[in-house]
Amino acid sequence: MKGTVKPVIAFCEDVDTWIYFDQAFQVFRYEIYCVGYDASGSPQTLEFVVEEGILPASTYPEISPYQADPTRILPGLIHWQEYMGFLPQQNVNHHPLTHGKLSHMEQRLKHHSRQRITKKLQHLGYDVIHAAS
């Protein structure tokens, strides 16, 4: 449409990632999301999630010793006793993957997902630029 202005997303500033350990299933999950802004232009919280999933241990080998076999959790509903078997046996506060290591993994995920996420955002009607500045 001529004259229609599409909303713009600056990938570097407006797209972010989050990796977290799902204690119930002992897998690392991720979300790639767009940041929301208030009326004054200050970043607030997430606006919407573009993609979510289980972080593949094949791409991030540092998580494989801590992640359960994903084939055990994908079929759907499981019996509560099997569910209890997924609970971690160690104290999560003493997990060897520190916040710094997860932060580095989040940056890698964002970098390696850029082309795929850009295409998804374009399909949603956004113009995607590299950076605002």
C-alpha atoms as a PDB file:
ATOM      1  CA  MET A   1       0.000   0.000   0.000  1.00  0.00           C
ATOM      2  CA  LYS A   2       1.355   3.364  -0.946  1.00  0.00           C
ATOM      3  CA  GLY A   3       1.698   5.840   1.889  1.00  0.00           C
ATOM      4  CA  THR A   4       1.458   3.186   4.596  1.00  0.00           C
ATOM      5  CA  VAL A   5       4.190   3.420   7.204  1.00  0.00           C
ATOM      6  CA  LYS A   6       5.262   0.106   8.694  1.00  0.00           C
ATOM      7  CA  PRO A   7       6.415  -0.081  12.304  1.00  0.00           C
ATOM      8  CA  VAL A   8      10.199  -0.349  12.555  1.00  0.00           C
ATOM      9  CA  ILE A   9      12.192  -2.698  14.767  1.00  0.00           C
ATOM     10  CA  ALA A  10      15.896  -2.075  15.335  1.00  0.00           C
ATOM     11  CA  PHE A  11      17.280  -5.583  15.785  1.00  0.00           C
ATOM     12  CA  CYS A  12      20.186  -4.609  18.081  1.00  0.00           C
ATOM     13  CA  GLU A  13      18.050  -2.563  20.466  1.00  0.00           C
ATOM     14  CA  ASP A  14      14.533  -3.997  20.187  1.00  0.00           C
ATOM     15  CA  VAL A  15      15.134  -7.753  19.998  1.00  0.00           C
ATOM     16  CA  ASP A  16      16.425  -9.608  23.019  1.00  0.00           C
ATOM     17  CA  THR A  17      16.849 -13.189  24.214  1.00  0.00           C
ATOM     18  CA  TRP A  18      16.338 -15.007  27.470  1.00  0.00           C
ATOM     19  CA  ILE A  19      17.643 -18.449  28.389  1.00  0.00           C
ATOM     20  CA  TYR A  20      16.442 -20.155  31.540  1.00  0.00           C
ATOM     21  CA  PHE A  21      16.638 -23.578  33.145  1.00  0.00           C
ATOM     22  CA  ASP A  22      13.269 -25.326  33.365  1.00  0.00           C
ATOM     23  CA  GLN A  23      13.654 -27.138  36.691  1.00  0.00           C
ATOM     24  CA  ALA A  24      10.643 -29.365  36.145  1.00  0.00           C
ATOM     25  CA  PHE A  25      11.909 -30.915  32.914  1.00  0.00           C
ATOM     26  CA  GLN A  26      15.640 -30.222  33.278  1.00  0.00           C
ATOM     27  CA  VAL A  27      15.976 -28.487  29.937  1.00  0.00           C
ATOM     28  CA  PHE A  28      17.184 -25.051  28.953  1.00  0.00           C
ATOM     29  CA  ARG A  29      14.444 -23.054  27.284  1.00  0.00           C
ATOM     30  CA  TYR A  30      14.772 -19.814  25.363  1.00  0.00           C
ATOM     31  CA  GLU A  31      12.627 -16.918  24.260  1.00  0.00           C
ATOM     32  CA  ILE A  32      13.457 -14.368  21.601  1.00  0.00           C
ATOM     33  CA  TYR A  33      11.274 -11.330  22.118  1.00  0.00           C
ATOM     34  CA  CYS A  34      10.733  -7.695  21.198  1.00  0.00           C
ATOM     35  CA  VAL A  35      11.081  -5.046  23.878  1.00  0.00           C
ATOM     36  CA  GLY A  36       8.103  -2.791  24.587  1.00  0.00           C
ATOM     37  CA  TYR A  37       8.342   0.957  25.204  1.00  0.00           C
ATOM     38  CA  ASP A  38       6.239   3.393  27.208  1.00  0.00           C
ATOM     39  CA  ALA A  39       4.842   6.679  25.852  1.00  0.00           C
ATOM     40  CA  SER A  40       8.094   8.529  26.628  1.00  0.00           C
ATOM     41  CA  GLY A  41      10.179   5.986  24.679  1.00  0.00           C
ATOM     42  CA  SER A  42      11.733   4.267  27.680  1.00  0.00           C
ATOM     43  CA  PRO A  43      12.053   0.477  27.454  1.00  0.00           C
ATOM     44  CA  GLN A  44       9.591  -1.375  29.646  1.00  0.00           C
ATOM     45  CA  THR A  45       9.065  -5.112  29.375  1.00  0.00           C
ATOM     46  CA  LEU A  46       8.592  -7.483  26.492  1.00  0.00           C
ATOM     47  CA  GLU A  47       6.091  -6.489  23.831  1.00  0.00           C
ATOM     48  CA  PHE A  48       5.711  -9.939  22.279  1.00  0.00           C
ATOM     49  CA  VAL A  49       7.589 -13.225  21.931  1.00  0.00           C
ATOM     50  CA  VAL A  50       8.811 -13.964  18.405  1.00  0.00           C
ATOM     51  CA  GLU A  51      10.106 -17.480  19.084  1.00  0.00           C
ATOM     52  CA  GLU A  52      10.458 -19.897  21.974  1.00  0.00           C
ATOM     53  CA  GLY A  53      11.775 -23.400  22.351  1.00  0.00           C
ATOM     54  CA  ILE A  54      14.205 -25.811  23.944  1.00  0.00           C
ATOM     55  CA  LEU A  55      17.828 -24.829  23.501  1.00  0.00           C
ATOM     56  CA  PRO A  56      19.544 -27.551  21.443  1.00  0.00           C
ATOM     57  CA  ALA A  57      22.452 -29.134  23.296  1.00  0.00           C
ATOM     58  CA  SER A  58      24.051 -29.907  19.927  1.00  0.00           C
ATOM     59  CA  THR A  59      24.526 -26.164  19.347  1.00  0.00           C
ATOM     60  CA  TYR A  60      25.343 -25.328  22.971  1.00  0.00           C
ATOM     61  CA  PRO A  61      27.405 -28.283  24.235  1.00  0.00           C
ATOM     62  CA  GLU A  62      28.046 -26.593  27.578  1.00  0.00           C
ATOM     63  CA  ILE A  63      24.451 -27.366  28.610  1.00  0.00           C
ATOM     64  CA  SER A  64      24.345 -31.045  27.624  1.00  0.00           C
ATOM     65  CA  PRO A  65      25.495 -32.422  31.017  1.00  0.00           C
ATOM     66  CA  TYR A  66      22.568 -30.647  32.718  1.00  0.00           C
ATOM     67  CA  GLN A  67      19.786 -31.155  30.200  1.00  0.00           C
ATOM     68  CA  ALA A  68      17.465 -34.167  30.189  1.00  0.00           C
ATOM     69  CA  ASP A  69      16.803 -36.136  27.026  1.00  0.00           C
ATOM     70  CA  PRO A  70      14.188 -33.982  25.167  1.00  0.00           C
ATOM     71  CA  THR A  71      12.549 -37.053  23.645  1.00  0.00           C
ATOM     72  CA  ARG A  72      11.292 -37.960  27.121  1.00  0.00           C
ATOM     73  CA  ILE A  73       9.300 -34.729  27.445  1.00  0.00           C
ATOM     74  CA  LEU A  74       7.961 -33.979  23.961  1.00  0.00           C
ATOM     75  CA  PRO A  75       5.207 -36.617  23.549  1.00  0.00           C
ATOM     76  CA  GLY A  76       2.755 -34.727  25.762  1.00  0.00           C
ATOM     77  CA  LEU A  77       1.265 -35.588  29.114  1.00  0.00           C
ATOM     78  CA  ILE A  78       3.331 -37.629  31.526  1.00  0.00           C
ATOM     79  CA  HIS A  79       2.509 -39.410  34.747  1.00  0.00           C
ATOM     80  CA  TRP A  80       3.164 -37.343  37.900  1.00  0.00           C
ATOM     81  CA  GLN A  81       5.740 -39.865  39.196  1.00  0.00           C
ATOM     82  CA  GLU A  82       7.740 -39.529  35.991  1.00  0.00           C
ATOM     83  CA  TYR A  83       7.359 -35.739  36.286  1.00  0.00           C
ATOM     84  CA  MET A  84       8.867 -35.874  39.783  1.00  0.00           C
ATOM     85  CA  GLY A  85      11.791 -37.831  38.338  1.00  0.00           C
ATOM     86  CA  PHE A  86      12.661 -34.812  36.170  1.00  0.00           C
ATOM     87  CA  LEU A  87      13.167 -32.555  39.174  1.00  0.00           C
ATOM     88  CA  PRO A  88      16.830 -31.629  39.600  1.00  0.00           C
ATOM     89  CA  GLN A  89      18.798 -33.478  42.241  1.00  0.00           C
ATOM     90  CA  GLN A  90      21.117 -30.531  42.829  1.00  0.00           C
ATOM     91  CA  ASN A  91      20.588 -27.109  44.312  1.00  0.00           C
ATOM     92  CA  VAL A  92      19.910 -24.743  41.398  1.00  0.00           C
ATOM     93  CA  ASN A  93      21.669 -21.902  43.254  1.00  0.00           C
ATOM     94  CA  HIS A  94      24.910 -23.847  42.877  1.00  0.00           C
ATOM     95  CA  HIS A  95      24.414 -24.588  39.191  1.00  0.00           C
ATOM     96  CA  PRO A  96      27.737 -24.498  37.319  1.00  0.00           C
ATOM     97  CA  LEU A  97      26.283 -22.423  34.492  1.00  0.00           C
ATOM     98  CA  THR A  98      26.504 -18.948  35.959  1.00  0.00           C
ATOM     99  CA  HIS A  99      24.542 -15.906  34.858  1.00  0.00           C
ATOM    100  CA  GLY A 100      27.596 -14.700  32.925  1.00  0.00           C
ATOM    101  CA  LYS A 101      27.795 -17.916  30.900  1.00  0.00           C
ATOM    102  CA  LEU A 102      24.056 -17.824  30.188  1.00  0.00           C
ATOM    103  CA  SER A 103      24.334 -14.165  29.153  1.00  0.00           C
ATOM    104  CA  HIS A 104      27.052 -15.121  26.663  1.00  0.00           C
ATOM    105  CA  MET A 105      24.827 -17.922  25.334  1.00  0.00           C
ATOM    106  CA  GLU A 106      21.941 -15.436  24.965  1.00  0.00           C
ATOM    107  CA  GLN A 107      24.140 -13.169  22.836  1.00  0.00           C
ATOM    108  CA  ARG A 108      25.196 -16.138  20.659  1.00  0.00           C
ATOM    109  CA  LEU A 109      21.557 -17.162  20.256  1.00  0.00           C
ATOM    110  CA  LYS A 110      20.575 -13.629  19.202  1.00  0.00           C
ATOM    111  CA  HIS A 111      23.443 -13.438  16.705  1.00  0.00           C
ATOM    112  CA  HIS A 112      22.803 -16.871  15.168  1.00  0.00           C
ATOM    113  CA  SER A 113      19.012 -16.309  14.992  1.00  0.00           C
ATOM    114  CA  ARG A 114      19.160 -12.873  13.374  1.00  0.00           C
ATOM    115  CA  GLN A 115      18.252 -13.859   9.820  1.00  0.00           C
ATOM    116  CA  ARG A 116      15.419 -16.195  10.904  1.00  0.00           C
ATOM    117  CA  ILE A 117      13.956 -13.688  13.384  1.00  0.00           C
ATOM    118  CA  THR A 118      14.234 -10.834  10.878  1.00  0.00           C
ATOM    119  CA  LYS A 119      12.172 -12.850   8.369  1.00  0.00           C
ATOM    120  CA  LYS A 120       9.551 -13.657  11.017  1.00  0.00           C
ATOM    121  CA  LEU A 121       9.239  -9.982  11.958  1.00  0.00           C
ATOM    122  CA  GLN A 122       8.953  -8.966   8.302  1.00  0.00           C
ATOM    123  CA  HIS A 123       6.153 -11.513   7.852  1.00  0.00           C
ATOM    124  CA  LEU A 124       4.424  -9.850  10.812  1.00  0.00           C
ATOM    125  CA  GLY A 125       4.562  -6.517   8.927  1.00  0.00           C
ATOM    126  CA  TYR A 126       7.606  -4.862  10.486  1.00  0.00           C
ATOM    127  CA  ASP A 127      10.504  -3.165   8.774  1.00  0.00           C
ATOM    128  CA  VAL A 128      13.663  -4.449  10.469  1.00  0.00           C
ATOM    129  CA  ILE A 129      16.848  -2.401  10.570  1.00  0.00           C
ATOM    130  CA  HIS A 130      20.171  -3.397  12.124  1.00  0.00           C
ATOM    131  CA  ALA A 131      20.392  -0.596  14.713  1.00  0.00           C
ATOM    132  CA  ALA A 132      18.682   2.673  15.549  1.00  0.00           C
ATOM    133  CA  SER A 133      21.924   4.635  15.902  1.00  0.00           C
END
